[in-house]
């Protein structure tokens, strides 16, 4: 949802700040998943500044846990969406304007043309990005450890270092690879006999759909919100912690 939507906006639409977001939306790849998890827990957990401020405003009854499935999904999605974004963006740019113009001649709205023409044509690129994100998610250990959340990877770790059973850990790791390969095989099988061709001409660069008024600012707000959550806020929080004295931990141990 995040990667494809952002790719479509930056590749085919013109709105305030598009050139900036074109590159900025790739920056979350520079933030390791476990660092993002640590920052989010520090911000949103019970003792974090967000809940502390809410308790000052609304009383001590304000309390929620930021350690469940939803928190893990949010963190990994924000860190890994650039895989889908980069590949889908290149696919949309390579399509050119001709397919969408043909869809409009046939009476389809831009939104319907996106779902009926552009999205199916970009399917191989989107599937490749999702596969990368899927493999990163299955292999992740640091982020889920911060949340104390059990996954397949933590089970492999516990089998090896908890029960000292290397054979069981190897079997679980092999099963993990089988799951990934099965997912890739099923996606390829689901395409059937479909073939995908794209125009070499990149008219999308010259003829973007101009979003004016509220629609343009809504697109800017959406891109800006994802950028802030996935990159801006974590970097700002890390800098705040450094300014508050975290730099003092950089002693001879490092």
C-alpha atoms as a PDB file:
ATOM      1  CA  UNK A   1       0.000   0.000   0.000  1.00  0.00           C
ATOM      2  CA  UNK A   2       2.701   2.496   0.972  1.00  0.00           C
ATOM      3  CA  UNK A   3       5.281   1.627  -1.681  1.00  0.00           C
ATOM      4  CA  UNK A   4       2.911   1.490  -4.653  1.00  0.00           C
ATOM      5  CA  UNK A   5       0.901   4.561  -3.658  1.00  0.00           C
ATOM      6  CA  UNK A   6       4.016   6.679  -3.143  1.00  0.00           C
ATOM      7  CA  UNK A   7       5.590   5.367  -6.359  1.00  0.00           C
ATOM      8  CA  UNK A   8       2.487   6.253  -8.379  1.00  0.00           C
ATOM      9  CA  UNK A   9       2.333   9.773  -6.954  1.00  0.00           C
ATOM     10  CA  UNK A  10       5.998  10.641  -7.526  1.00  0.00           C
ATOM     11  CA  UNK A  11       6.250   8.953 -10.943  1.00  0.00           C
ATOM     12  CA  UNK A  12       3.047  10.143 -12.628  1.00  0.00           C
ATOM     13  CA  UNK A  13       1.773  13.180 -10.703  1.00  0.00           C
ATOM     14  CA  UNK A  14       2.969  16.744 -10.202  1.00  0.00           C
ATOM     15  CA  UNK A  15       2.364  18.268  -6.760  1.00  0.00           C
ATOM     16  CA  UNK A  16       4.202  20.590  -4.336  1.00  0.00           C
ATOM     17  CA  UNK A  17       7.454  19.004  -3.150  1.00  0.00           C
ATOM     18  CA  UNK A  18       7.423  16.108  -5.636  1.00  0.00           C
ATOM     19  CA  UNK A  19      11.100  16.476  -6.612  1.00  0.00           C
ATOM     20  CA  UNK A  20      12.143  16.411  -2.979  1.00  0.00           C
ATOM     21  CA  UNK A  21      10.031  13.373  -2.103  1.00  0.00           C
ATOM     22  CA  UNK A  22      11.216  11.600  -5.250  1.00  0.00           C
ATOM     23  CA  UNK A  23      14.554  10.998  -3.500  1.00  0.00           C
ATOM     24  CA  UNK A  24      13.652  11.522   0.171  1.00  0.00           C
ATOM     25  CA  UNK A  25      11.219   8.606   0.237  1.00  0.00           C
ATOM     26  CA  UNK A  26      14.144   6.218  -0.366  1.00  0.00           C
ATOM     27  CA  UNK A  27      16.021   7.393   2.753  1.00  0.00           C
ATOM     28  CA  UNK A  28      14.262   5.062   5.253  1.00  0.00           C
ATOM     29  CA  UNK A  29      16.438   2.273   3.830  1.00  0.00           C
ATOM     30  CA  UNK A  30      19.311   3.959   5.683  1.00  0.00           C
ATOM     31  CA  UNK A  31      17.611   3.319   9.043  1.00  0.00           C
ATOM     32  CA  UNK A  32      18.144  -0.251  10.322  1.00  0.00           C
ATOM     33  CA  UNK A  33      14.941  -1.931  11.477  1.00  0.00           C
ATOM     34  CA  UNK A  34      16.207  -2.465  15.035  1.00  0.00           C
ATOM     35  CA  UNK A  35      17.144   1.240  15.323  1.00  0.00           C
ATOM     36  CA  UNK A  36      13.646   2.230  14.180  1.00  0.00           C
ATOM     37  CA  UNK A  37      12.137  -0.222  16.681  1.00  0.00           C
ATOM     38  CA  UNK A  38      14.291   1.164  19.518  1.00  0.00           C
ATOM     39  CA  UNK A  39      13.348   4.760  18.666  1.00  0.00           C
ATOM     40  CA  UNK A  40       9.620   3.994  18.425  1.00  0.00           C
ATOM     41  CA  UNK A  41       9.626   2.122  21.723  1.00  0.00           C
ATOM     42  CA  UNK A  42      11.521   5.013  23.327  1.00  0.00           C
ATOM     43  CA  UNK A  43       8.968   7.498  21.998  1.00  0.00           C
ATOM     44  CA  UNK A  44       5.684   5.630  22.403  1.00  0.00           C
ATOM     45  CA  UNK A  45       6.118   3.193  25.287  1.00  0.00           C
ATOM     46  CA  UNK A  46       4.692   3.894  28.765  1.00  0.00           C
ATOM     47  CA  UNK A  47       7.710   5.886  29.975  1.00  0.00           C
ATOM     48  CA  UNK A  48       8.237   7.658  26.650  1.00  0.00           C
ATOM     49  CA  UNK A  49       7.642  11.375  26.041  1.00  0.00           C
ATOM     50  CA  UNK A  50       4.394  10.846  24.098  1.00  0.00           C
ATOM     51  CA  UNK A  51       2.538   8.932  26.825  1.00  0.00           C
ATOM     52  CA  UNK A  52       4.095  11.097  29.541  1.00  0.00           C
ATOM     53  CA  UNK A  53       2.769  14.236  27.867  1.00  0.00           C
ATOM     54  CA  UNK A  54      -0.664  12.666  27.349  1.00  0.00           C
ATOM     55  CA  UNK A  55      -0.832  11.802  31.063  1.00  0.00           C
ATOM     56  CA  UNK A  56      -0.035  15.412  31.934  1.00  0.00           C
ATOM     57  CA  UNK A  57      -2.863  16.603  29.717  1.00  0.00           C
ATOM     58  CA  UNK A  58      -5.547  13.976  30.384  1.00  0.00           C
ATOM     59  CA  UNK A  59      -4.607  12.356  33.699  1.00  0.00           C
ATOM     60  CA  UNK A  60      -2.854   9.194  34.785  1.00  0.00           C
ATOM     61  CA  UNK A  61      -5.464   6.946  33.207  1.00  0.00           C
ATOM     62  CA  UNK A  62      -3.798   7.312  29.800  1.00  0.00           C
ATOM     63  CA  UNK A  63      -1.794   4.171  29.130  1.00  0.00           C
ATOM     64  CA  UNK A  64      -1.252   1.868  26.152  1.00  0.00           C
ATOM     65  CA  UNK A  65       1.304  -0.740  25.170  1.00  0.00           C
ATOM     66  CA  UNK A  66       3.476  -0.326  22.088  1.00  0.00           C
ATOM     67  CA  UNK A  67       4.764  -3.888  21.999  1.00  0.00           C
ATOM     68  CA  UNK A  68       2.171  -5.937  20.121  1.00  0.00           C
ATOM     69  CA  UNK A  69       1.733  -7.240  16.597  1.00  0.00           C
ATOM     70  CA  UNK A  70       0.546  -3.884  15.263  1.00  0.00           C
ATOM     71  CA  UNK A  71       3.692  -2.128  16.478  1.00  0.00           C
ATOM     72  CA  UNK A  72       5.955  -4.695  14.803  1.00  0.00           C
ATOM     73  CA  UNK A  73       3.994  -4.433  11.550  1.00  0.00           C
ATOM     74  CA  UNK A  74       4.166  -0.624  11.599  1.00  0.00           C
ATOM     75  CA  UNK A  75       7.927  -0.509  12.199  1.00  0.00           C
ATOM     76  CA  UNK A  76       8.843  -3.109   9.563  1.00  0.00           C
ATOM     77  CA  UNK A  77       6.466  -1.537   7.024  1.00  0.00           C
ATOM     78  CA  UNK A  78       8.003   1.912   7.483  1.00  0.00           C
ATOM     79  CA  UNK A  79      11.543   0.529   7.144  1.00  0.00           C
ATOM     80  CA  UNK A  80      10.960  -1.830   4.203  1.00  0.00           C
ATOM     81  CA  UNK A  81       8.435  -0.010   1.972  1.00  0.00           C
ATOM     82  CA  UNK A  82      11.292   1.615  -0.067  1.00  0.00           C
ATOM     83  CA  UNK A  83      11.997  -1.772  -1.706  1.00  0.00           C
ATOM     84  CA  UNK A  84       8.530  -1.703  -3.259  1.00  0.00           C
ATOM     85  CA  UNK A  85       8.657   2.063  -3.820  1.00  0.00           C
ATOM     86  CA  UNK A  86      11.887   2.060  -5.863  1.00  0.00           C
ATOM     87  CA  UNK A  87      10.990  -0.872  -8.112  1.00  0.00           C
ATOM     88  CA  UNK A  88       7.367   0.205  -8.638  1.00  0.00           C
ATOM     89  CA  UNK A  89       8.434   3.785  -9.378  1.00  0.00           C
ATOM     90  CA  UNK A  90      10.812   2.627 -12.114  1.00  0.00           C
ATOM     91  CA  UNK A  91       8.071   0.418 -13.556  1.00  0.00           C
ATOM     92  CA  UNK A  92       5.557   3.286 -13.676  1.00  0.00           C
ATOM     93  CA  UNK A  93       8.138   5.580 -15.304  1.00  0.00           C
ATOM     94  CA  UNK A  94       8.931   2.969 -17.947  1.00  0.00           C
ATOM     95  CA  UNK A  95       5.275   2.514 -18.903  1.00  0.00           C
ATOM     96  CA  UNK A  96       4.976   5.916 -20.541  1.00  0.00           C
ATOM     97  CA  UNK A  97       1.670   7.707 -21.019  1.00  0.00           C
ATOM     98  CA  UNK A  98       0.297   5.681 -23.920  1.00  0.00           C
ATOM     99  CA  UNK A  99      -1.425   2.909 -21.904  1.00  0.00           C
ATOM    100  CA  UNK A 100      -3.162   5.407 -19.617  1.00  0.00           C
ATOM    101  CA  UNK A 101      -4.200   7.573 -22.546  1.00  0.00           C
ATOM    102  CA  UNK A 102      -5.666   4.494 -24.230  1.00  0.00           C
ATOM    103  CA  UNK A 103      -7.580   3.700 -21.034  1.00  0.00           C
ATOM    104  CA  UNK A 104      -9.027   7.225 -20.962  1.00  0.00           C
ATOM    105  CA  UNK A 105     -10.081   6.947 -24.613  1.00  0.00           C
ATOM    106  CA  UNK A 106     -11.978   3.784 -23.635  1.00  0.00           C
ATOM    107  CA  UNK A 107     -13.860   5.786 -21.008  1.00  0.00           C
ATOM    108  CA  UNK A 108     -11.945   4.947 -17.842  1.00  0.00           C
ATOM    109  CA  UNK A 109     -11.159   7.525 -15.175  1.00  0.00           C
ATOM    110  CA  UNK A 110      -7.503   8.031 -14.135  1.00  0.00           C
ATOM    111  CA  UNK A 111      -8.091   6.011 -10.957  1.00  0.00           C
ATOM    112  CA  UNK A 112      -9.760   3.161 -12.829  1.00  0.00           C
ATOM    113  CA  UNK A 113      -6.999   3.261 -15.442  1.00  0.00           C
ATOM    114  CA  UNK A 114      -4.466   2.874 -12.646  1.00  0.00           C
ATOM    115  CA  UNK A 115      -6.124  -0.291 -11.324  1.00  0.00           C
ATOM    116  CA  UNK A 116      -6.914  -1.798 -14.736  1.00  0.00           C
ATOM    117  CA  UNK A 117      -3.768  -0.878 -16.695  1.00  0.00           C
ATOM    118  CA  UNK A 118      -0.828   0.598 -14.763  1.00  0.00           C
ATOM    119  CA  UNK A 119      -0.977  -1.673 -11.721  1.00  0.00           C
ATOM    120  CA  UNK A 120      -1.171  -4.987 -13.636  1.00  0.00           C
ATOM    121  CA  UNK A 121       1.668  -3.882 -15.945  1.00  0.00           C
ATOM    122  CA  UNK A 122       3.847  -3.099 -12.911  1.00  0.00           C
ATOM    123  CA  UNK A 123       3.073  -6.410 -11.230  1.00  0.00           C
ATOM    124  CA  UNK A 124       6.516  -8.066 -11.767  1.00  0.00           C
ATOM    125  CA  UNK A 125       8.329  -5.071 -10.246  1.00  0.00           C
ATOM    126  CA  UNK A 126       5.909  -4.850  -7.334  1.00  0.00           C
ATOM    127  CA  UNK A 127       6.210  -8.590  -6.713  1.00  0.00           C
ATOM    128  CA  UNK A 128      10.020  -8.298  -6.699  1.00  0.00           C
ATOM    129  CA  UNK A 129       9.876  -5.466  -4.147  1.00  0.00           C
ATOM    130  CA  UNK A 130       7.418  -7.365  -1.968  1.00  0.00           C
ATOM    131  CA  UNK A 131       9.651 -10.454  -2.164  1.00  0.00           C
ATOM    132  CA  UNK A 132      12.639  -8.433  -0.926  1.00  0.00           C
ATOM    133  CA  UNK A 133      10.582  -6.965   1.913  1.00  0.00           C
ATOM    134  CA  UNK A 134       9.207 -10.405   2.756  1.00  0.00           C
ATOM    135  CA  UNK A 135      12.653 -11.963   2.968  1.00  0.00           C
ATOM    136  CA  UNK A 136      13.921  -9.085   5.113  1.00  0.00           C
ATOM    137  CA  UNK A 137      10.930  -9.526   7.423  1.00  0.00           C
ATOM    138  CA  UNK A 138      11.396 -13.277   7.752  1.00  0.00           C
ATOM    139  CA  UNK A 139      15.115 -12.824   8.456  1.00  0.00           C
ATOM    140  CA  UNK A 140      14.737  -9.903  10.884  1.00  0.00           C
ATOM    141  CA  UNK A 141      15.972 -10.535  14.413  1.00  0.00           C
ATOM    142  CA  UNK A 142      16.903  -7.144  15.852  1.00  0.00           C
ATOM    143  CA  UNK A 143      13.561  -5.333  15.555  1.00  0.00           C
ATOM    144  CA  UNK A 144      11.457  -8.203  16.894  1.00  0.00           C
ATOM    145  CA  UNK A 145      13.930  -8.647  19.755  1.00  0.00           C
ATOM    146  CA  UNK A 146      13.419  -5.018  20.789  1.00  0.00           C
ATOM    147  CA  UNK A 147       9.676  -5.704  20.980  1.00  0.00           C
ATOM    148  CA  UNK A 148      10.276  -9.096  22.680  1.00  0.00           C
ATOM    149  CA  UNK A 149       8.120 -10.560  19.905  1.00  0.00           C
ATOM    150  CA  UNK A 150       8.475 -14.230  18.961  1.00  0.00           C
ATOM    151  CA  UNK A 151       9.030 -14.993  15.268  1.00  0.00           C
ATOM    152  CA  UNK A 152      10.529 -17.759  13.178  1.00  0.00           C
ATOM    153  CA  UNK A 153      13.955 -16.129  13.424  1.00  0.00           C
ATOM    154  CA  UNK A 154      13.861 -15.878  17.214  1.00  0.00           C
ATOM    155  CA  UNK A 155      12.877 -19.559  17.332  1.00  0.00           C
ATOM    156  CA  UNK A 156      16.002 -20.423  15.326  1.00  0.00           C
ATOM    157  CA  UNK A 157      18.101 -18.325  17.725  1.00  0.00           C
ATOM    158  CA  UNK A 158      16.569 -19.964  20.802  1.00  0.00           C
ATOM    159  CA  UNK A 159      17.027 -23.459  19.357  1.00  0.00           C
ATOM    160  CA  UNK A 160      20.712 -22.728  18.781  1.00  0.00           C
ATOM    161  CA  UNK A 161      21.749 -20.648  21.802  1.00  0.00           C
ATOM    162  CA  UNK A 162      18.955 -21.561  24.231  1.00  0.00           C
ATOM    163  CA  UNK A 163      18.786 -25.322  23.742  1.00  0.00           C
ATOM    164  CA  UNK A 164      22.224 -25.728  22.123  1.00  0.00           C
ATOM    165  CA  UNK A 165      20.579 -27.748  19.354  1.00  0.00           C
ATOM    166  CA  UNK A 166      22.384 -26.860  16.138  1.00  0.00           C
ATOM    167  CA  UNK A 167      20.521 -29.520  14.154  1.00  0.00           C
ATOM    168  CA  UNK A 168      17.107 -28.135  15.079  1.00  0.00           C
ATOM    169  CA  UNK A 169      18.248 -24.586  14.262  1.00  0.00           C
ATOM    170  CA  UNK A 170      19.535 -25.746  10.865  1.00  0.00           C
ATOM    171  CA  UNK A 171      16.263 -27.537  10.132  1.00  0.00           C
ATOM    172  CA  UNK A 172      14.229 -24.459  11.047  1.00  0.00           C
ATOM    173  CA  UNK A 173      16.484 -22.244   8.911  1.00  0.00           C
ATOM    174  CA  UNK A 174      16.072 -24.630   5.971  1.00  0.00           C
ATOM    175  CA  UNK A 175      12.304 -24.509   6.428  1.00  0.00           C
ATOM    176  CA  UNK A 176      12.516 -20.708   6.367  1.00  0.00           C
ATOM    177  CA  UNK A 177      14.211 -20.867   2.955  1.00  0.00           C
ATOM    178  CA  UNK A 178      11.551 -23.291   1.710  1.00  0.00           C
ATOM    179  CA  UNK A 179       8.830 -20.820   2.730  1.00  0.00           C
ATOM    180  CA  UNK A 180      10.524 -18.010   0.773  1.00  0.00           C
ATOM    181  CA  UNK A 181      11.026 -20.161  -2.317  1.00  0.00           C
ATOM    182  CA  UNK A 182       7.426 -21.395  -2.139  1.00  0.00           C
ATOM    183  CA  UNK A 183       6.164 -17.815  -2.028  1.00  0.00           C
ATOM    184  CA  UNK A 184       8.220 -16.832  -5.077  1.00  0.00           C
ATOM    185  CA  UNK A 185       7.062 -19.941  -6.959  1.00  0.00           C
ATOM    186  CA  UNK A 186       3.384 -19.324  -6.185  1.00  0.00           C
ATOM    187  CA  UNK A 187       3.608 -15.699  -7.342  1.00  0.00           C
ATOM    188  CA  UNK A 188       5.226 -16.753 -10.627  1.00  0.00           C
ATOM    189  CA  UNK A 189       2.627 -19.512 -11.033  1.00  0.00           C
ATOM    190  CA  UNK A 190      -0.227 -17.075 -10.412  1.00  0.00           C
ATOM    191  CA  UNK A 191       0.844 -15.027 -13.451  1.00  0.00           C
ATOM    192  CA  UNK A 192       0.005 -17.935 -15.718  1.00  0.00           C
ATOM    193  CA  UNK A 193       0.862 -17.238 -19.346  1.00  0.00           C
ATOM    194  CA  UNK A 194       0.792 -13.448 -18.905  1.00  0.00           C
ATOM    195  CA  UNK A 195       3.681 -11.514 -20.452  1.00  0.00           C
ATOM    196  CA  UNK A 196       4.658  -7.970 -19.568  1.00  0.00           C
ATOM    197  CA  UNK A 197       5.991  -5.401 -22.041  1.00  0.00           C
ATOM    198  CA  UNK A 198       6.842  -1.767 -21.417  1.00  0.00           C
ATOM    199  CA  UNK A 199       7.606   1.138 -23.694  1.00  0.00           C
ATOM    200  CA  UNK A 200      11.194   2.366 -23.803  1.00  0.00           C
ATOM    201  CA  UNK A 201       9.970   5.960 -24.135  1.00  0.00           C
ATOM    202  CA  UNK A 202       9.531   7.759 -20.832  1.00  0.00           C
ATOM    203  CA  UNK A 203       6.812  10.292 -21.548  1.00  0.00           C
ATOM    204  CA  UNK A 204       5.716  10.100 -17.923  1.00  0.00           C
ATOM    205  CA  UNK A 205       8.653  12.369 -17.103  1.00  0.00           C
ATOM    206  CA  UNK A 206       7.293  15.083 -19.389  1.00  0.00           C
ATOM    207  CA  UNK A 207       3.532  14.698 -18.978  1.00  0.00           C
ATOM    208  CA  UNK A 208       2.733  14.193 -15.330  1.00  0.00           C
ATOM    209  CA  UNK A 209      -0.820  14.690 -14.098  1.00  0.00           C
ATOM    210  CA  UNK A 210      -0.913  18.019 -12.281  1.00  0.00           C
ATOM    211  CA  UNK A 211      -2.636  17.833  -8.897  1.00  0.00           C
ATOM    212  CA  UNK A 212      -3.893  21.292  -8.001  1.00  0.00           C
ATOM    213  CA  UNK A 213      -5.575  22.758  -4.956  1.00  0.00           C
ATOM    214  CA  UNK A 214      -6.562  20.413  -2.158  1.00  0.00           C
ATOM    215  CA  UNK A 215      -5.565  17.281  -4.086  1.00  0.00           C
ATOM    216  CA  UNK A 216      -2.016  18.529  -4.537  1.00  0.00           C
ATOM    217  CA  UNK A 217      -1.578  19.455  -0.893  1.00  0.00           C
ATOM    218  CA  UNK A 218      -3.168  16.161   0.170  1.00  0.00           C
ATOM    219  CA  UNK A 219      -0.550  14.286  -1.880  1.00  0.00           C
ATOM    220  CA  UNK A 220       2.184  16.410  -0.283  1.00  0.00           C
ATOM    221  CA  UNK A 221       0.796  15.744   3.192  1.00  0.00           C
ATOM    222  CA  UNK A 222       0.661  11.987   2.568  1.00  0.00           C
ATOM    223  CA  UNK A 223       4.250  11.825   1.298  1.00  0.00           C
ATOM    224  CA  UNK A 224       5.431  14.130   4.087  1.00  0.00           C
ATOM    225  CA  UNK A 225       3.726  12.068   6.794  1.00  0.00           C
ATOM    226  CA  UNK A 226       5.337   8.818   5.627  1.00  0.00           C
ATOM    227  CA  UNK A 227       8.744  10.513   5.330  1.00  0.00           C
ATOM    228  CA  UNK A 228       8.475  11.959   8.843  1.00  0.00           C
ATOM    229  CA  UNK A 229       7.413   8.657  10.399  1.00  0.00           C
ATOM    230  CA  UNK A 230       9.975   6.540   8.542  1.00  0.00           C
ATOM    231  CA  UNK A 231      12.998   8.871   8.590  1.00  0.00           C
ATOM    232  CA  UNK A 232      12.484  12.364  10.001  1.00  0.00           C
ATOM    233  CA  UNK A 233      11.244  11.508  13.498  1.00  0.00           C
ATOM    234  CA  UNK A 234      13.766   8.677  14.125  1.00  0.00           C
ATOM    235  CA  UNK A 235      16.702  10.874  13.069  1.00  0.00           C
ATOM    236  CA  UNK A 236      15.462  13.827  15.139  1.00  0.00           C
ATOM    237  CA  UNK A 237      14.981  11.607  18.201  1.00  0.00           C
ATOM    238  CA  UNK A 238      18.477  10.130  17.847  1.00  0.00           C
ATOM    239  CA  UNK A 239      19.941  13.642  17.635  1.00  0.00           C
ATOM    240  CA  UNK A 240      17.940  14.701  20.719  1.00  0.00           C
ATOM    241  CA  UNK A 241      19.299  11.740  22.681  1.00  0.00           C
ATOM    242  CA  UNK A 242      22.839  12.626  21.594  1.00  0.00           C
ATOM    243  CA  UNK A 243      22.324  16.251  22.674  1.00  0.00           C
ATOM    244  CA  UNK A 244      20.986  15.070  26.048  1.00  0.00           C
ATOM    245  CA  UNK A 245      24.214  13.221  26.778  1.00  0.00           C
ATOM    246  CA  UNK A 246      24.194   9.947  24.868  1.00  0.00           C
ATOM    247  CA  UNK A 247      27.540  10.980  23.363  1.00  0.00           C
ATOM    248  CA  UNK A 248      29.090  10.377  26.768  1.00  0.00           C
ATOM    249  CA  UNK A 249      28.648   6.626  26.211  1.00  0.00           C
ATOM    250  CA  UNK A 250      31.236   6.773  23.410  1.00  0.00           C
ATOM    251  CA  UNK A 251      34.148   5.803  25.641  1.00  0.00           C
ATOM    252  CA  UNK A 252      36.982   3.279  25.393  1.00  0.00           C
ATOM    253  CA  UNK A 253      34.469   0.406  25.071  1.00  0.00           C
ATOM    254  CA  UNK A 254      33.983   1.455  21.447  1.00  0.00           C
END
